[in-house]
């Protein structure tokens, strides 16, 4: 399965549209959003794909976001501040990640056993290994973020390969 990972879209409809173009090109079946949608109107741009998301520190219209997720249907879900997900047997912790110590706790603690820890907030893409856990930050999507960090991540679940794709040149 091709899994798309995105974060910090901050109401940037053009960036979400560009990301969705990339996801369609890549055959992505499910998108995971690591928080900071900001407001409900951006959610409808994910129409036609299963979307799982967590709340970020700038997501204030929670009831509206929940209603927008409900309108998407197709298994889409807004999971609150944390999501414990599984795709093709791979376990995934998803959080916005304001506190990097919390991200590290999920990645390295013996109390957790995640294949992937996905987070956002810091507006810099990251891909690193911590023991058996892969830590991913897909980047962010607003004009003040440098182009090299305006990316999405594509996770191929069968091979567990991760690639970043830029959306900066498509906005």
Protein backbone atom coordinates (compact mmCIF):
# COMPACT_ATOMS: atom_id res chain seq x y z
CA UNK A 1 0.00 0.00 0.00
CA UNK A 2 1.12 3.54 -0.72
CA UNK A 3 0.55 5.70 2.35
CA UNK A 4 0.83 9.50 2.18
CA UNK A 5 2.00 11.49 5.19
CA UNK A 6 1.51 15.25 5.47
CA UNK A 7 1.54 17.85 8.22
CA UNK A 8 1.12 21.52 8.97
CA UNK A 9 -1.05 22.50 6.03
CA UNK A 10 -2.14 25.65 7.90
CA UNK A 11 -5.18 26.39 5.71
CA UNK A 12 -3.00 26.42 2.57
CA UNK A 13 -5.51 25.08 0.05
CA UNK A 14 -3.04 25.37 -2.84
CA UNK A 15 -0.50 23.23 -0.97
CA UNK A 16 -3.12 20.60 -0.13
CA UNK A 17 -4.22 20.51 -3.77
CA UNK A 18 -0.56 20.10 -4.82
CA UNK A 19 -0.07 17.34 -2.24
CA UNK A 20 -3.20 15.57 -3.46
CA UNK A 21 -1.83 15.70 -7.02
CA UNK A 22 1.33 14.00 -5.77
CA UNK A 23 -0.67 11.44 -3.80
CA UNK A 24 -2.77 10.59 -6.85
CA UNK A 25 0.36 10.25 -9.03
CA UNK A 26 1.86 7.90 -6.45
CA UNK A 27 -1.27 5.78 -6.08
CA UNK A 28 -1.70 6.70 -2.41
CA UNK A 29 -4.69 4.96 -0.84
CA UNK A 30 -4.60 6.50 2.65
CA UNK A 31 -3.28 9.84 3.94
CA UNK A 32 -2.10 10.49 7.50
CA UNK A 33 -2.06 14.14 8.61
CA UNK A 34 0.10 15.03 11.62
CA UNK A 35 -1.89 18.10 12.66
CA UNK A 36 -2.35 21.84 12.15
CA UNK A 37 -5.09 21.80 9.57
CA UNK A 38 -6.24 25.08 11.21
CA UNK A 39 -9.86 25.26 9.97
CA UNK A 40 -12.46 22.92 8.43
CA UNK A 41 -12.47 24.13 4.78
CA UNK A 42 -9.09 22.53 4.02
CA UNK A 43 -10.43 19.06 4.92
CA UNK A 44 -12.73 18.84 1.87
CA UNK A 45 -9.63 19.04 -0.36
CA UNK A 46 -8.84 15.47 0.78
CA UNK A 47 -12.10 14.21 -0.75
CA UNK A 48 -11.81 10.83 -2.43
CA UNK A 49 -9.12 9.42 -0.14
CA UNK A 50 -9.18 7.90 3.34
CA UNK A 51 -7.76 10.51 5.73
CA UNK A 52 -6.55 9.98 9.29
CA UNK A 53 -5.52 13.04 11.28
CA UNK A 54 -4.52 14.32 14.69
CA UNK A 55 -5.01 17.75 16.14
CA UNK A 56 -2.15 20.23 16.30
CA UNK A 57 -1.58 23.21 18.54
CA UNK A 58 -3.23 25.59 16.02
CA UNK A 59 -6.37 23.53 15.39
CA UNK A 60 -9.04 25.59 17.12
CA UNK A 61 -12.30 24.71 15.39
CA UNK A 62 -12.42 21.13 16.64
CA UNK A 63 -16.17 20.60 16.18
CA UNK A 64 -15.95 21.93 12.62
CA UNK A 65 -12.93 19.73 11.88
CA UNK A 66 -14.76 16.69 13.23
CA UNK A 67 -17.80 17.47 11.07
CA UNK A 68 -15.57 17.93 8.00
CA UNK A 69 -13.97 14.52 8.64
CA UNK A 70 -17.41 12.95 9.05
CA UNK A 71 -18.43 14.44 5.68
CA UNK A 72 -15.44 12.73 4.00
CA UNK A 73 -16.64 9.28 5.06
CA UNK A 74 -14.76 6.25 3.70
CA UNK A 75 -13.05 5.38 6.99
CA UNK A 76 -11.64 8.89 7.52
CA UNK A 77 -11.17 9.83 11.16
CA UNK A 78 -9.90 12.71 13.27
CA UNK A 79 -8.28 10.88 16.19
CA UNK A 80 -7.79 13.70 18.68
CA UNK A 81 -4.25 14.55 19.80
CA UNK A 82 -2.83 11.05 19.19
CA UNK A 83 -3.48 8.18 16.82
CA UNK A 84 -2.39 4.57 17.18
CA UNK A 85 -2.78 3.20 13.64
CA UNK A 86 -1.90 0.04 11.76
CA UNK A 87 -1.53 -0.43 8.01
CA UNK A 88 -0.46 -3.73 6.43
CA UNK A 89 0.81 -4.93 9.80
CA UNK A 90 2.93 -1.81 10.44
CA UNK A 91 2.19 0.04 13.67
CA UNK A 92 2.22 3.82 13.64
CA UNK A 93 2.11 6.47 16.35
CA UNK A 94 0.88 9.82 15.01
CA UNK A 95 1.08 13.06 16.97
CA UNK A 96 1.66 16.72 16.24
CA UNK A 97 4.89 16.63 18.26
CA UNK A 98 5.24 20.02 19.91
CA UNK A 99 7.36 18.33 22.56
CA UNK A 100 10.27 16.51 20.89
CA UNK A 101 10.87 14.56 24.11
CA UNK A 102 7.42 13.00 23.65
CA UNK A 103 8.27 12.07 20.05
CA UNK A 104 11.49 10.45 21.28
CA UNK A 105 9.62 8.60 24.01
CA UNK A 106 7.40 6.91 21.44
CA UNK A 107 10.42 6.13 19.26
CA UNK A 108 12.88 4.71 21.77
CA UNK A 109 11.01 3.69 24.91
CA UNK A 110 10.65 0.02 25.69
CA UNK A 111 7.08 0.84 26.73
CA UNK A 112 6.08 1.30 23.08
CA UNK A 113 6.70 -0.85 20.05
CA UNK A 114 5.97 1.27 16.97
CA UNK A 115 7.35 0.68 13.51
CA UNK A 116 6.78 4.38 12.67
CA UNK A 117 6.44 7.56 14.70
CA UNK A 118 5.06 10.40 12.56
CA UNK A 119 4.92 13.98 13.74
CA UNK A 120 4.86 17.57 12.51
CA UNK A 121 4.98 20.98 14.22
CA UNK A 122 8.68 21.79 13.64
CA UNK A 123 8.25 22.50 9.91
CA UNK A 124 11.35 20.52 8.90
CA UNK A 125 11.20 17.16 7.20
CA UNK A 126 12.97 14.33 8.95
CA UNK A 127 13.58 10.64 8.30
CA UNK A 128 15.72 8.69 10.74
CA UNK A 129 15.95 5.34 12.41
CA UNK A 130 15.83 4.82 16.17
CA UNK A 131 16.49 1.12 16.67
CA UNK A 132 13.59 -0.66 14.92
CA UNK A 133 11.48 2.52 14.73
CA UNK A 134 11.42 4.97 11.83
CA UNK A 135 10.80 8.60 12.82
CA UNK A 136 9.17 10.77 10.14
CA UNK A 137 8.29 14.43 9.87
CA UNK A 138 6.87 15.02 6.37
CA UNK A 139 7.52 18.78 6.31
CA UNK A 140 5.16 21.79 6.34
CA UNK A 141 3.13 23.82 3.88
CA UNK A 142 3.08 27.57 4.09
CA UNK A 143 5.10 30.23 2.23
CA UNK A 144 7.65 31.03 4.95
CA UNK A 145 8.84 27.41 5.11
CA UNK A 146 11.92 26.85 2.89
CA UNK A 147 11.14 24.88 -0.27
CA UNK A 148 13.24 21.88 0.82
CA UNK A 149 10.82 21.33 3.73
CA UNK A 150 7.56 21.84 1.78
CA UNK A 151 7.27 18.12 1.18
CA UNK A 152 5.09 15.09 1.77
CA UNK A 153 6.28 11.60 2.60
CA UNK A 154 5.24 8.46 0.75
CA UNK A 155 5.54 5.20 2.68
CA UNK A 156 5.36 1.98 0.67
CA UNK A 157 4.14 -0.42 3.35
CA UNK A 158 5.21 -3.67 1.65
CA UNK A 159 8.86 -2.65 1.26
CA UNK A 160 8.85 -0.12 4.14
CA UNK A 161 10.55 2.39 1.87
CA UNK A 162 10.05 6.13 2.43
CA UNK A 163 10.40 8.87 -0.17
CA UNK A 164 9.83 12.59 0.07
CA UNK A 165 8.13 14.50 -2.72
CA UNK A 166 8.20 18.28 -3.03
CA UNK A 167 5.01 20.27 -3.41
CA UNK A 168 6.77 23.66 -3.40
CA UNK A 169 6.98 23.86 -7.19
CA UNK A 170 3.29 22.91 -7.60
CA UNK A 171 1.67 25.52 -5.34
